[in-house]
Amino acid sequence: MAVVYATLIIKGKKTFADVPVKIQQQVKEVLVDLGLEELAQ
């Protein structure tokens, strides 16, 4: 699910604030791994 949210954030469909708190850390890790840590704020 984290990858799905990360993809939606990258495409501009969602923001990091839209991610449920339970998986925010996982989504952040995916974005950091992709070199897009600026999107995880």
N, C-alpha and C. Protein backbone atom coordinates (compact mmCIF):
# COMPACT_ATOMS: atom_id res chain seq x y z
N MET A 1 0.82 -1.19 0.00
CA MET A 1 0.00 0.00 0.00
C MET A 1 0.87 1.26 0.00
N ALA A 2 2.02 1.18 0.63
CA ALA A 2 2.93 2.33 0.69
C ALA A 2 3.38 2.73 -0.71
N VAL A 3 3.63 1.75 -1.55
CA VAL A 3 4.07 2.04 -2.92
C VAL A 3 2.95 2.72 -3.70
N VAL A 4 1.72 2.31 -3.46
CA VAL A 4 0.58 2.92 -4.13
C VAL A 4 0.48 4.40 -3.76
N TYR A 5 0.56 4.69 -2.47
CA TYR A 5 0.50 6.08 -2.02
C TYR A 5 1.68 6.88 -2.56
N ALA A 6 2.87 6.29 -2.54
CA ALA A 6 4.05 6.98 -3.07
C ALA A 6 3.85 7.32 -4.55
N THR A 7 3.31 6.39 -5.29
CA THR A 7 3.04 6.62 -6.72
C THR A 7 2.04 7.76 -6.91
N LEU A 8 0.98 7.77 -6.13
CA LEU A 8 -0.02 8.83 -6.22
C LEU A 8 0.58 10.19 -5.86
N ILE A 9 1.47 10.22 -4.88
CA ILE A 9 2.14 11.47 -4.50
C ILE A 9 3.03 11.95 -5.65
N ILE A 10 3.78 11.05 -6.24
CA ILE A 10 4.67 11.40 -7.36
C ILE A 10 3.86 11.94 -8.53
N LYS A 11 2.72 11.35 -8.80
CA LYS A 11 1.87 11.79 -9.92
C LYS A 11 1.08 13.05 -9.59
N GLY A 12 1.12 13.50 -8.33
CA GLY A 12 0.43 14.72 -7.95
C GLY A 12 -1.04 14.52 -7.61
N LYS A 13 -1.46 13.28 -7.48
CA LYS A 13 -2.87 12.99 -7.16
C LYS A 13 -3.16 13.10 -5.67
N LYS A 14 -2.12 12.88 -4.85
CA LYS A 14 -2.25 12.96 -3.39
C LYS A 14 -1.05 13.72 -2.85
N THR A 15 -1.16 14.16 -1.59
CA THR A 15 -0.03 14.76 -0.91
C THR A 15 0.35 13.86 0.25
N PHE A 16 1.52 14.10 0.83
CA PHE A 16 1.95 13.28 1.96
C PHE A 16 0.96 13.41 3.12
N ALA A 17 0.32 14.56 3.25
CA ALA A 17 -0.66 14.78 4.32
C ALA A 17 -1.89 13.88 4.15
N ASP A 18 -2.15 13.42 2.93
CA ASP A 18 -3.29 12.53 2.68
C ASP A 18 -3.04 11.09 3.10
N VAL A 19 -1.79 10.76 3.38
CA VAL A 19 -1.42 9.38 3.72
C VAL A 19 -1.85 9.08 5.16
N PRO A 20 -2.51 7.94 5.39
CA PRO A 20 -2.88 7.58 6.76
C PRO A 20 -1.64 7.50 7.65
N VAL A 21 -1.77 7.98 8.87
CA VAL A 21 -0.64 8.05 9.80
C VAL A 21 0.03 6.69 9.97
N LYS A 22 -0.75 5.63 9.94
CA LYS A 22 -0.22 4.28 10.14
C LYS A 22 0.87 3.90 9.14
N ILE A 23 0.79 4.41 7.92
CA ILE A 23 1.76 4.01 6.89
C ILE A 23 2.64 5.16 6.40
N GLN A 24 2.57 6.31 7.05
CA GLN A 24 3.37 7.45 6.62
C GLN A 24 4.86 7.13 6.60
N GLN A 25 5.36 6.43 7.61
CA GLN A 25 6.79 6.11 7.65
C GLN A 25 7.19 5.23 6.47
N GLN A 26 6.36 4.26 6.13
CA GLN A 26 6.66 3.38 5.00
C GLN A 26 6.66 4.15 3.69
N VAL A 27 5.69 5.05 3.53
CA VAL A 27 5.62 5.86 2.31
C VAL A 27 6.84 6.77 2.23
N LYS A 28 7.23 7.34 3.36
CA LYS A 28 8.41 8.20 3.39
C LYS A 28 9.65 7.42 2.95
N GLU A 29 9.80 6.19 3.44
CA GLU A 29 10.94 5.36 3.07
C GLU A 29 10.96 5.08 1.57
N VAL A 30 9.80 4.83 0.97
CA VAL A 30 9.73 4.59 -0.47
C VAL A 30 10.17 5.84 -1.23
N LEU A 31 9.65 7.00 -0.81
CA LEU A 31 10.01 8.24 -1.49
C LEU A 31 11.50 8.55 -1.34
N VAL A 32 12.06 8.32 -0.17
CA VAL A 32 13.49 8.54 0.05
C VAL A 32 14.31 7.60 -0.84
N ASP A 33 13.89 6.34 -0.91
CA ASP A 33 14.59 5.37 -1.76
C ASP A 33 14.58 5.79 -3.23
N LEU A 34 13.55 6.49 -3.63
CA LEU A 34 13.44 6.96 -5.02
C LEU A 34 14.12 8.32 -5.22
N GLY A 35 14.71 8.86 -4.15
CA GLY A 35 15.37 10.17 -4.25
C GLY A 35 14.41 11.33 -4.28
N LEU A 36 13.22 11.13 -3.76
CA LEU A 36 12.19 12.16 -3.78
C LEU A 36 11.75 12.53 -2.36
N GLU A 37 12.74 12.61 -1.45
CA GLU A 37 12.40 12.88 -0.05
C GLU A 37 11.70 14.21 0.16
N GLU A 38 11.86 15.15 -0.77
CA GLU A 38 11.18 16.45 -0.65
C GLU A 38 9.67 16.31 -0.73
N LEU A 39 9.17 15.22 -1.29
CA LEU A 39 7.73 14.99 -1.38
C LEU A 39 7.16 14.43 -0.08
N ALA A 40 8.03 14.02 0.83
CA ALA A 40 7.59 13.40 2.09
C ALA A 40 7.57 14.41 3.22
N GLN A 41 6.94 15.54 2.98
CA GLN A 41 6.87 16.58 4.01
C GLN A 41 5.46 17.04 4.20
